[in-house]
Amino acid sequence: MLGVVLVWGTNYTLVKEALGSMPPLAFISIRFALAAMAMGALLLAVEGWKPLPWKTLARLGVLGMVGNTVYQVLFISGLAHTTAANTGMLTAVTPVMIAVLGAALGVERITRSLVVSLVLAVVGMVLVVSVRGPELSAQTRWGDTLILGSSVCWALYTVGIRTVGPEVSALRITALSMLTGAPGVVLAGAREVQALDFSQVSTGAWVALVYSALIPLVAAYFLWGRSVQKVGTNRTALYNTGVPVVAALTAWAVRGEQPTAPQALGTAFILTGVLLSRRK
């Protein structure tokens, strides 16, 4: 999960390179088409095709639509209508959503140590992203609503993985849910892809797109699903609060954006929350 945090945190800077040459929906459309093909090939090479009960396939199909199609479209559309700071602030509630939803469905219990870990990590995440100055207003309300909707989708996807059962591997869960969710994402950006002037897309943008498809999507999604199976939804979700920390450090290294004292304090809170969650 530390690897996932590192990959997702640095991915923001790389995606900015690609979005400078192509529209957002065209980017996620091409990205998901590539990721789905790579994930399908990986599944066939590692495990081959194994029949699954129809109920399990249906559940994975729903998870794919929620955790890939709807989540990606809501997130990228929301980001286009609100600020990056608002996005970071609103997604800070995702671990709490996952914990509450998991408890409501009987997937995991909410313990006292978990509550302390969540409070520390979420407060830390808010401190890290608040430096950019989030501002909730009528102008950003639609985008903010879409971002919150994407957070709900990610919470449903994460808890849903836990309900599939240990008899289905994390690789198969990730692959089948991505293969069922990718067509909707591809279609959502089909018009922008058709209108795209490929000659104007820089080499750096293509490199960023391919990397973003194969590592943050294929590899990191697999590791996320495996962690959910092995250690549970709540402990896995807590690691997600470290993504803004890595994003801030990457911005410091690449763009010279100096970290501030609140960000350092927020990082300490996040690390403390994650470490507390690891206690048996």
C-alpha atoms as a PDB file:
ATOM      1  CA  MET A   1       0.000   0.000   0.000  1.00  0.00           C
ATOM      2  CA  LEU A   2       2.930   2.353   0.523  1.00  0.00           C
ATOM      3  CA  GLY A   3       3.794   1.640  -3.107  1.00  0.00           C
ATOM      4  CA  VAL A   4       0.223   2.496  -4.143  1.00  0.00           C
ATOM      5  CA  VAL A   5       0.395   5.777  -2.210  1.00  0.00           C
ATOM      6  CA  LEU A   6       3.678   6.626  -3.939  1.00  0.00           C
ATOM      7  CA  VAL A   7       2.307   5.785  -7.398  1.00  0.00           C
ATOM      8  CA  TRP A   8      -1.013   7.633  -6.996  1.00  0.00           C
ATOM      9  CA  GLY A   9       0.631  10.647  -5.369  1.00  0.00           C
ATOM     10  CA  THR A  10       3.175  11.146  -8.154  1.00  0.00           C
ATOM     11  CA  ASN A  11       0.608  10.414 -10.855  1.00  0.00           C
ATOM     12  CA  TYR A  12      -1.024  13.855 -10.492  1.00  0.00           C
ATOM     13  CA  THR A  13       2.069  15.606 -11.845  1.00  0.00           C
ATOM     14  CA  LEU A  14       2.350  13.191 -14.768  1.00  0.00           C
ATOM     15  CA  VAL A  15      -1.323  13.503 -15.662  1.00  0.00           C
ATOM     16  CA  LYS A  16      -0.942  17.304 -15.871  1.00  0.00           C
ATOM     17  CA  GLU A  17       1.549  16.709 -18.700  1.00  0.00           C
ATOM     18  CA  ALA A  18      -0.965  14.654 -20.657  1.00  0.00           C
ATOM     19  CA  LEU A  19      -3.920  16.974 -19.994  1.00  0.00           C
ATOM     20  CA  GLY A  20      -1.925  19.828 -21.492  1.00  0.00           C
ATOM     21  CA  SER A  21      -2.211  18.094 -24.884  1.00  0.00           C
ATOM     22  CA  MET A  22      -5.612  16.392 -24.782  1.00  0.00           C
ATOM     23  CA  PRO A  23      -9.081  16.905 -23.240  1.00  0.00           C
ATOM     24  CA  PRO A  24      -9.837  15.104 -19.933  1.00  0.00           C
ATOM     25  CA  LEU A  25     -12.474  12.687 -21.277  1.00  0.00           C
ATOM     26  CA  ALA A  26     -10.275  11.763 -24.237  1.00  0.00           C
ATOM     27  CA  PHE A  27      -7.440  11.098 -21.797  1.00  0.00           C
ATOM     28  CA  ILE A  28      -9.414   8.750 -19.544  1.00  0.00           C
ATOM     29  CA  SER A  29     -11.007   7.046 -22.569  1.00  0.00           C
ATOM     30  CA  ILE A  30      -7.656   6.094 -24.132  1.00  0.00           C
ATOM     31  CA  ARG A  31      -6.160   5.390 -20.710  1.00  0.00           C
ATOM     32  CA  PHE A  32      -8.881   2.920 -19.720  1.00  0.00           C
ATOM     33  CA  ALA A  33      -8.898   1.189 -23.093  1.00  0.00           C
ATOM     34  CA  LEU A  34      -5.183   0.516 -22.728  1.00  0.00           C
ATOM     35  CA  ALA A  35      -5.480  -0.463 -19.051  1.00  0.00           C
ATOM     36  CA  ALA A  36      -8.347  -2.889 -19.679  1.00  0.00           C
ATOM     37  CA  MET A  37      -6.475  -4.661 -22.478  1.00  0.00           C
ATOM     38  CA  ALA A  38      -3.341  -4.920 -20.332  1.00  0.00           C
ATOM     39  CA  MET A  39      -5.295  -6.186 -17.318  1.00  0.00           C
ATOM     40  CA  GLY A  40      -7.134  -8.785 -19.413  1.00  0.00           C
ATOM     41  CA  ALA A  41      -3.870 -10.022 -20.914  1.00  0.00           C
ATOM     42  CA  LEU A  42      -2.287 -10.201 -17.445  1.00  0.00           C
ATOM     43  CA  LEU A  43      -5.183 -12.234 -16.076  1.00  0.00           C
ATOM     44  CA  LEU A  44      -5.041 -14.727 -18.959  1.00  0.00           C
ATOM     45  CA  ALA A  45      -1.257 -15.066 -18.653  1.00  0.00           C
ATOM     46  CA  VAL A  46      -1.229 -15.576 -14.872  1.00  0.00           C
ATOM     47  CA  GLU A  47      -4.456 -17.439 -14.104  1.00  0.00           C
ATOM     48  CA  GLY A  48      -6.112 -18.232 -17.409  1.00  0.00           C
ATOM     49  CA  TRP A  49      -9.865 -18.268 -17.841  1.00  0.00           C
ATOM     50  CA  LYS A  50     -11.822 -19.919 -15.023  1.00  0.00           C
ATOM     51  CA  PRO A  51     -15.621 -19.983 -14.985  1.00  0.00           C
ATOM     52  CA  LEU A  52     -17.292 -18.176 -12.097  1.00  0.00           C
ATOM     53  CA  PRO A  53     -20.870 -18.411 -10.777  1.00  0.00           C
ATOM     54  CA  TRP A  54     -23.248 -16.005 -12.483  1.00  0.00           C
ATOM     55  CA  LYS A  55     -23.953 -14.209  -9.198  1.00  0.00           C
ATOM     56  CA  THR A  56     -20.255 -13.524  -8.730  1.00  0.00           C
ATOM     57  CA  LEU A  57     -19.883 -12.303 -12.313  1.00  0.00           C
ATOM     58  CA  ALA A  58     -22.902 -10.034 -11.888  1.00  0.00           C
ATOM     59  CA  ARG A  59     -21.468  -8.601  -8.666  1.00  0.00           C
ATOM     60  CA  LEU A  60     -18.114  -7.925 -10.355  1.00  0.00           C
ATOM     61  CA  GLY A  61     -19.952  -6.289 -13.247  1.00  0.00           C
ATOM     62  CA  VAL A  62     -21.750  -3.921 -10.882  1.00  0.00           C
ATOM     63  CA  LEU A  63     -18.489  -3.181  -9.063  1.00  0.00           C
ATOM     64  CA  GLY A  64     -16.858  -2.414 -12.410  1.00  0.00           C
ATOM     65  CA  MET A  65     -19.588   0.046 -13.343  1.00  0.00           C
ATOM     66  CA  VAL A  66     -19.509   1.772  -9.943  1.00  0.00           C
ATOM     67  CA  GLY A  67     -15.752   1.725  -9.265  1.00  0.00           C
ATOM     68  CA  ASN A  68     -14.592   2.415 -12.804  1.00  0.00           C
ATOM     69  CA  THR A  69     -17.251   3.862 -15.142  1.00  0.00           C
ATOM     70  CA  VAL A  70     -19.246   6.079 -12.783  1.00  0.00           C
ATOM     71  CA  TYR A  71     -16.329   6.912 -10.472  1.00  0.00           C
ATOM     72  CA  GLN A  72     -13.992   8.022 -13.256  1.00  0.00           C
ATOM     73  CA  VAL A  73     -16.595  10.091 -15.125  1.00  0.00           C
ATOM     74  CA  LEU A  74     -17.808  11.807 -11.933  1.00  0.00           C
ATOM     75  CA  PHE A  75     -14.269  12.533 -10.771  1.00  0.00           C
ATOM     76  CA  ILE A  76     -12.918  13.962 -14.012  1.00  0.00           C
ATOM     77  CA  SER A  77     -16.133  15.956 -14.612  1.00  0.00           C
ATOM     78  CA  GLY A  78     -16.135  17.233 -11.046  1.00  0.00           C
ATOM     79  CA  LEU A  79     -12.502  18.287 -11.274  1.00  0.00           C
ATOM     80  CA  ALA A  80     -13.375  20.320 -14.366  1.00  0.00           C
ATOM     81  CA  HIS A  81     -16.011  22.295 -12.408  1.00  0.00           C
ATOM     82  CA  THR A  82     -14.218  22.828  -9.090  1.00  0.00           C
ATOM     83  CA  THR A  83     -10.733  23.472  -7.771  1.00  0.00           C
ATOM     84  CA  ALA A  84      -7.997  20.962  -7.024  1.00  0.00           C
ATOM     85  CA  ALA A  85      -8.026  22.135  -3.400  1.00  0.00           C
ATOM     86  CA  ASN A  86     -11.769  21.495  -3.090  1.00  0.00           C
ATOM     87  CA  THR A  87     -11.253  18.068  -4.639  1.00  0.00           C
ATOM     88  CA  GLY A  88      -8.582  17.160  -2.101  1.00  0.00           C
ATOM     89  CA  MET A  89     -10.680  18.418   0.806  1.00  0.00           C
ATOM     90  CA  LEU A  90     -13.837  16.581  -0.244  1.00  0.00           C
ATOM     91  CA  THR A  91     -12.094  13.275  -0.955  1.00  0.00           C
ATOM     92  CA  ALA A  92     -10.699  13.375   2.600  1.00  0.00           C
ATOM     93  CA  VAL A  93     -14.004  11.920   3.804  1.00  0.00           C
ATOM     94  CA  THR A  94     -13.613   8.752   1.701  1.00  0.00           C
ATOM     95  CA  PRO A  95     -11.980   6.630   4.456  1.00  0.00           C
ATOM     96  CA  VAL A  96     -14.803   7.618   6.804  1.00  0.00           C
ATOM     97  CA  MET A  97     -17.385   6.662   4.176  1.00  0.00           C
ATOM     98  CA  ILE A  98     -15.695   3.277   3.738  1.00  0.00           C
ATOM     99  CA  ALA A  99     -15.644   2.617   7.492  1.00  0.00           C
ATOM    100  CA  VAL A 100     -19.304   3.603   7.979  1.00  0.00           C
ATOM    101  CA  LEU A 101     -20.491   1.687   4.925  1.00  0.00           C
ATOM    102  CA  GLY A 102     -18.503  -1.399   5.899  1.00  0.00           C
ATOM    103  CA  ALA A 103     -19.984  -1.322   9.400  1.00  0.00           C
ATOM    104  CA  ALA A 104     -23.532  -0.815   8.063  1.00  0.00           C
ATOM    105  CA  LEU A 105     -23.174  -3.842   5.773  1.00  0.00           C
ATOM    106  CA  GLY A 106     -21.529  -5.967   8.464  1.00  0.00           C
ATOM    107  CA  VAL A 107     -18.265  -6.225   6.538  1.00  0.00           C
ATOM    108  CA  GLU A 108     -16.048  -4.786   9.306  1.00  0.00           C
ATOM    109  CA  ARG A 109     -16.461  -3.393  12.812  1.00  0.00           C
ATOM    110  CA  ILE A 110     -15.624   0.158  13.827  1.00  0.00           C
ATOM    111  CA  THR A 111     -13.285  -0.050  16.835  1.00  0.00           C
ATOM    112  CA  ARG A 112     -12.039   2.681  19.139  1.00  0.00           C
ATOM    113  CA  SER A 113      -8.523   2.501  17.701  1.00  0.00           C
ATOM    114  CA  LEU A 114      -9.959   2.782  14.181  1.00  0.00           C
ATOM    115  CA  VAL A 115     -11.880   5.923  15.112  1.00  0.00           C
ATOM    116  CA  VAL A 116      -8.710   7.522  16.526  1.00  0.00           C
ATOM    117  CA  SER A 117      -6.760   6.505  13.410  1.00  0.00           C
ATOM    118  CA  LEU A 118      -9.438   7.908  11.105  1.00  0.00           C
ATOM    119  CA  VAL A 119      -9.645  11.214  12.965  1.00  0.00           C
ATOM    120  CA  LEU A 120      -5.877  11.710  12.899  1.00  0.00           C
ATOM    121  CA  ALA A 121      -5.502  10.700   9.235  1.00  0.00           C
ATOM    122  CA  VAL A 122      -8.459  12.722   7.939  1.00  0.00           C
ATOM    123  CA  VAL A 123      -7.477  15.839   9.912  1.00  0.00           C
ATOM    124  CA  GLY A 124      -3.934  15.417   8.584  1.00  0.00           C
ATOM    125  CA  MET A 125      -5.192  15.111   5.018  1.00  0.00           C
ATOM    126  CA  VAL A 126      -7.289  18.265   5.430  1.00  0.00           C
ATOM    127  CA  LEU A 127      -4.229  20.149   6.721  1.00  0.00           C
ATOM    128  CA  VAL A 128      -2.149  19.013   3.741  1.00  0.00           C
ATOM    129  CA  VAL A 129      -4.673  20.086   1.091  1.00  0.00           C
ATOM    130  CA  SER A 130      -5.947  23.231   2.880  1.00  0.00           C
ATOM    131  CA  VAL A 131      -2.788  25.137   1.925  1.00  0.00           C
ATOM    132  CA  ARG A 132      -4.167  25.514  -1.602  1.00  0.00           C
ATOM    133  CA  GLY A 133      -7.135  27.412  -0.209  1.00  0.00           C
ATOM    134  CA  PRO A 134     -10.344  25.422  -0.789  1.00  0.00           C
ATOM    135  CA  GLU A 135     -13.401  27.593  -1.247  1.00  0.00           C
ATOM    136  CA  LEU A 136     -16.876  26.087  -1.308  1.00  0.00           C
ATOM    137  CA  SER A 137     -19.174  28.445  -3.228  1.00  0.00           C
ATOM    138  CA  ALA A 138     -22.065  28.523  -5.669  1.00  0.00           C
ATOM    139  CA  GLN A 139     -19.567  28.529  -8.560  1.00  0.00           C
ATOM    140  CA  THR A 140     -18.034  25.230  -7.467  1.00  0.00           C
ATOM    141  CA  ARG A 141     -21.161  23.578  -6.041  1.00  0.00           C
ATOM    142  CA  TRP A 142     -21.843  21.353  -9.064  1.00  0.00           C
ATOM    143  CA  GLY A 143     -18.249  20.163  -9.270  1.00  0.00           C
ATOM    144  CA  ASP A 144     -18.103  19.625  -5.499  1.00  0.00           C
ATOM    145  CA  THR A 145     -21.250  17.483  -5.683  1.00  0.00           C
ATOM    146  CA  LEU A 146     -19.730  15.367  -8.462  1.00  0.00           C
ATOM    147  CA  ILE A 147     -16.520  14.858  -6.439  1.00  0.00           C
ATOM    148  CA  LEU A 148     -18.525  13.744  -3.408  1.00  0.00           C
ATOM    149  CA  GLY A 149     -20.428  11.360  -5.678  1.00  0.00           C
ATOM    150  CA  SER A 150     -17.147   9.902  -6.918  1.00  0.00           C
ATOM    151  CA  SER A 151     -16.033   9.387  -3.301  1.00  0.00           C
ATOM    152  CA  VAL A 152     -19.229   7.463  -2.601  1.00  0.00           C
ATOM    153  CA  CYS A 153     -18.571   5.294  -5.669  1.00  0.00           C
ATOM    154  CA  TRP A 154     -15.025   4.512  -4.516  1.00  0.00           C
ATOM    155  CA  ALA A 155     -16.305   3.607  -1.044  1.00  0.00           C
ATOM    156  CA  LEU A 156     -18.918   1.273  -2.552  1.00  0.00           C
ATOM    157  CA  TYR A 157     -16.282  -0.321  -4.787  1.00  0.00           C
ATOM    158  CA  THR A 158     -13.834  -0.860  -1.916  1.00  0.00           C
ATOM    159  CA  VAL A 159     -16.421  -2.400   0.409  1.00  0.00           C
ATOM    160  CA  GLY A 160     -17.840  -4.404  -2.485  1.00  0.00           C
ATOM    161  CA  ILE A 161     -14.469  -6.060  -3.117  1.00  0.00           C
ATOM    162  CA  ARG A 162     -14.547  -7.371   0.448  1.00  0.00           C
ATOM    163  CA  THR A 163     -17.909  -9.069  -0.140  1.00  0.00           C
ATOM    164  CA  VAL A 164     -16.819 -11.074  -3.191  1.00  0.00           C
ATOM    165  CA  GLY A 165     -15.095 -13.758  -1.134  1.00  0.00           C
ATOM    166  CA  PRO A 166     -11.571 -15.150  -0.795  1.00  0.00           C
ATOM    167  CA  GLU A 167     -12.191 -17.844  -3.418  1.00  0.00           C
ATOM    168  CA  VAL A 168     -11.809 -15.194  -6.137  1.00  0.00           C
ATOM    169  CA  SER A 169      -8.278 -13.764  -6.392  1.00  0.00           C
ATOM    170  CA  ALA A 170      -7.549 -10.038  -6.180  1.00  0.00           C
ATOM    171  CA  LEU A 171      -6.184 -10.156  -9.731  1.00  0.00           C
ATOM    172  CA  ARG A 172      -9.400 -11.674 -11.085  1.00  0.00           C
ATOM    173  CA  ILE A 173     -11.566  -9.219  -9.163  1.00  0.00           C
ATOM    174  CA  THR A 174      -9.563  -6.260 -10.448  1.00  0.00           C
ATOM    175  CA  ALA A 175      -9.418  -7.539 -14.023  1.00  0.00           C
ATOM    176  CA  LEU A 176     -13.095  -8.447 -14.392  1.00  0.00           C
ATOM    177  CA  SER A 177     -14.329  -5.278 -12.720  1.00  0.00           C
ATOM    178  CA  MET A 178     -12.058  -3.197 -14.946  1.00  0.00           C
ATOM    179  CA  LEU A 179     -13.077  -5.045 -18.113  1.00  0.00           C
ATOM    180  CA  THR A 180     -16.772  -4.491 -17.326  1.00  0.00           C
ATOM    181  CA  GLY A 181     -16.271  -0.858 -16.312  1.00  0.00           C
ATOM    182  CA  ALA A 182     -13.934   0.223 -19.102  1.00  0.00           C
ATOM    183  CA  PRO A 183     -16.461   0.280 -22.003  1.00  0.00           C
ATOM    184  CA  GLY A 184     -18.515   2.981 -20.307  1.00  0.00           C
ATOM    185  CA  VAL A 185     -15.425   5.118 -19.711  1.00  0.00           C
ATOM    186  CA  VAL A 186     -14.267   4.619 -23.307  1.00  0.00           C
ATOM    187  CA  LEU A 187     -17.682   5.610 -24.676  1.00  0.00           C
ATOM    188  CA  ALA A 188     -17.839   8.670 -22.399  1.00  0.00           C
ATOM    189  CA  GLY A 189     -14.754  10.074 -24.084  1.00  0.00           C
ATOM    190  CA  ALA A 190     -15.332   8.716 -27.598  1.00  0.00           C
ATOM    191  CA  ARG A 191     -16.453  12.053 -29.047  1.00  0.00           C
ATOM    192  CA  GLU A 192     -13.405  13.879 -27.693  1.00  0.00           C
ATOM    193  CA  VAL A 193     -11.111  11.124 -28.997  1.00  0.00           C
ATOM    194  CA  GLN A 194     -12.617  11.468 -32.487  1.00  0.00           C
ATOM    195  CA  ALA A 195     -12.066  15.225 -32.430  1.00  0.00           C
ATOM    196  CA  LEU A 196      -8.526  14.935 -31.059  1.00  0.00           C
ATOM    197  CA  ASP A 197      -5.637  16.050 -33.278  1.00  0.00           C
ATOM    198  CA  PHE A 198      -3.143  13.310 -32.445  1.00  0.00           C
ATOM    199  CA  SER A 199      -0.311  15.190 -34.149  1.00  0.00           C
ATOM    200  CA  GLN A 200      -0.590  17.871 -31.458  1.00  0.00           C
ATOM    201  CA  VAL A 201      -0.134  15.423 -28.585  1.00  0.00           C
ATOM    202  CA  SER A 202       3.432  15.617 -27.277  1.00  0.00           C
ATOM    203  CA  THR A 203       5.692  12.615 -26.730  1.00  0.00           C
ATOM    204  CA  GLY A 204       5.751  13.403 -23.011  1.00  0.00           C
ATOM    205  CA  ALA A 205       1.953  13.297 -22.922  1.00  0.00           C
ATOM    206  CA  TRP A 206       1.903   9.835 -24.550  1.00  0.00           C
ATOM    207  CA  VAL A 207       4.517   8.565 -22.080  1.00  0.00           C
ATOM    208  CA  ALA A 208       2.481   9.963 -19.172  1.00  0.00           C
ATOM    209  CA  LEU A 209      -0.714   8.376 -20.524  1.00  0.00           C
ATOM    210  CA  VAL A 210       0.838   4.922 -20.970  1.00  0.00           C
ATOM    211  CA  TYR A 211       2.454   5.052 -17.534  1.00  0.00           C
ATOM    212  CA  SER A 212      -0.796   6.267 -15.966  1.00  0.00           C
ATOM    213  CA  ALA A 213      -2.674   3.350 -17.528  1.00  0.00           C
ATOM    214  CA  LEU A 214      -0.237   0.559 -16.669  1.00  0.00           C
ATOM    215  CA  ILE A 215       1.026   1.541 -13.203  1.00  0.00           C
ATOM    216  CA  PRO A 216      -1.577   3.660 -11.330  1.00  0.00           C
ATOM    217  CA  LEU A 217      -4.468   1.718 -12.896  1.00  0.00           C
ATOM    218  CA  VAL A 218      -3.368  -1.865 -13.589  1.00  0.00           C
ATOM    219  CA  ALA A 219      -0.723  -2.370 -10.890  1.00  0.00           C
ATOM    220  CA  ALA A 220      -2.103  -0.083  -8.175  1.00  0.00           C
ATOM    221  CA  TYR A 221      -5.732  -1.222  -8.579  1.00  0.00           C
ATOM    222  CA  PHE A 222      -4.561  -4.811  -8.193  1.00  0.00           C
ATOM    223  CA  LEU A 223      -2.579  -3.980  -5.049  1.00  0.00           C
ATOM    224  CA  TRP A 224      -5.530  -2.039  -3.626  1.00  0.00           C
ATOM    225  CA  GLY A 225      -7.846  -5.032  -4.132  1.00  0.00           C
ATOM    226  CA  ARG A 226      -5.289  -7.428  -2.659  1.00  0.00           C
ATOM    227  CA  SER A 227      -4.865  -5.222   0.410  1.00  0.00           C
ATOM    228  CA  VAL A 228      -8.641  -5.079   0.922  1.00  0.00           C
ATOM    229  CA  GLN A 229      -8.737  -8.885   0.871  1.00  0.00           C
ATOM    230  CA  LYS A 230      -5.743  -9.297   3.203  1.00  0.00           C
ATOM    231  CA  VAL A 231      -6.094  -6.536   5.816  1.00  0.00           C
ATOM    232  CA  GLY A 232      -9.614  -5.200   5.295  1.00  0.00           C
ATOM    233  CA  THR A 233     -11.299  -2.096   3.924  1.00  0.00           C
ATOM    234  CA  ASN A 234     -10.627   0.265   6.822  1.00  0.00           C
ATOM    235  CA  ARG A 235      -6.865  -0.180   7.128  1.00  0.00           C
ATOM    236  CA  THR A 236      -6.495  -0.062   3.347  1.00  0.00           C
ATOM    237  CA  ALA A 237      -8.536   3.135   3.064  1.00  0.00           C
ATOM    238  CA  LEU A 238      -6.386   4.873   5.691  1.00  0.00           C
ATOM    239  CA  TYR A 239      -3.352   4.624   3.412  1.00  0.00           C
ATOM    240  CA  ASN A 240      -5.236   6.692   0.837  1.00  0.00           C
ATOM    241  CA  THR A 241      -4.841   9.723   3.100  1.00  0.00           C
ATOM    242  CA  GLY A 242      -1.116   9.669   2.296  1.00  0.00           C
ATOM    243  CA  VAL A 243      -1.665  10.400  -1.406  1.00  0.00           C
ATOM    244  CA  PRO A 244      -1.855  14.220  -0.950  1.00  0.00           C
ATOM    245  CA  VAL A 245       1.400  14.096   1.022  1.00  0.00           C
ATOM    246  CA  VAL A 246       3.227  12.424  -1.878  1.00  0.00           C
ATOM    247  CA  ALA A 247       1.534  14.811  -4.322  1.00  0.00           C
ATOM    248  CA  ALA A 248       2.789  17.797  -2.300  1.00  0.00           C
ATOM    249  CA  LEU A 249       6.330  16.392  -2.119  1.00  0.00           C
ATOM    250  CA  THR A 250       6.271  15.723  -5.877  1.00  0.00           C
ATOM    251  CA  ALA A 251       5.133  19.288  -6.547  1.00  0.00           C
ATOM    252  CA  TRP A 252       8.033  20.467  -4.361  1.00  0.00           C
ATOM    253  CA  ALA A 253      10.560  18.384  -6.297  1.00  0.00           C
ATOM    254  CA  VAL A 254       9.194  19.115  -9.790  1.00  0.00           C
ATOM    255  CA  ARG A 255       7.693  22.612  -9.551  1.00  0.00           C
ATOM    256  CA  GLY A 256       9.514  24.002  -6.511  1.00  0.00           C
ATOM    257  CA  GLU A 257       6.332  24.391  -4.414  1.00  0.00           C
ATOM    258  CA  GLN A 258       7.748  24.641  -0.890  1.00  0.00           C
ATOM    259  CA  PRO A 259       5.899  22.545   1.759  1.00  0.00           C
ATOM    260  CA  THR A 260       4.413  24.577   4.624  1.00  0.00           C
ATOM    261  CA  ALA A 261       4.254  24.024   8.380  1.00  0.00           C
ATOM    262  CA  PRO A 262       0.554  22.924   8.265  1.00  0.00           C
ATOM    263  CA  GLN A 263       1.432  20.361   5.590  1.00  0.00           C
ATOM    264  CA  ALA A 264       4.270  19.006   7.758  1.00  0.00           C
ATOM    265  CA  LEU A 265       1.898  18.779  10.741  1.00  0.00           C
ATOM    266  CA  GLY A 266      -0.741  17.108   8.562  1.00  0.00           C
ATOM    267  CA  THR A 267       1.819  14.568   7.357  1.00  0.00           C
ATOM    268  CA  ALA A 268       2.671  13.734  10.970  1.00  0.00           C
ATOM    269  CA  PHE A 269      -1.027  13.216  11.754  1.00  0.00           C
ATOM    270  CA  ILE A 270      -1.474  10.926   8.741  1.00  0.00           C
ATOM    271  CA  LEU A 271       1.571   8.812   9.588  1.00  0.00           C
ATOM    272  CA  THR A 272       0.430   8.505  13.206  1.00  0.00           C
ATOM    273  CA  GLY A 273      -3.063   7.456  12.140  1.00  0.00           C
ATOM    274  CA  VAL A 274      -1.734   4.821   9.739  1.00  0.00           C
ATOM    275  CA  LEU A 275       0.725   3.456  12.301  1.00  0.00           C
ATOM    276  CA  LEU A 276      -1.999   3.223  14.948  1.00  0.00           C
ATOM    277  CA  SER A 277      -4.188   1.283  12.524  1.00  0.00           C
ATOM    278  CA  ARG A 278      -1.454  -1.351  12.195  1.00  0.00           C
ATOM    279  CA  ARG A 279      -1.569  -2.211  15.899  1.00  0.00           C
ATOM    280  CA  LYS A 280      -3.056  -5.629  16.577  1.00  0.00           C
END
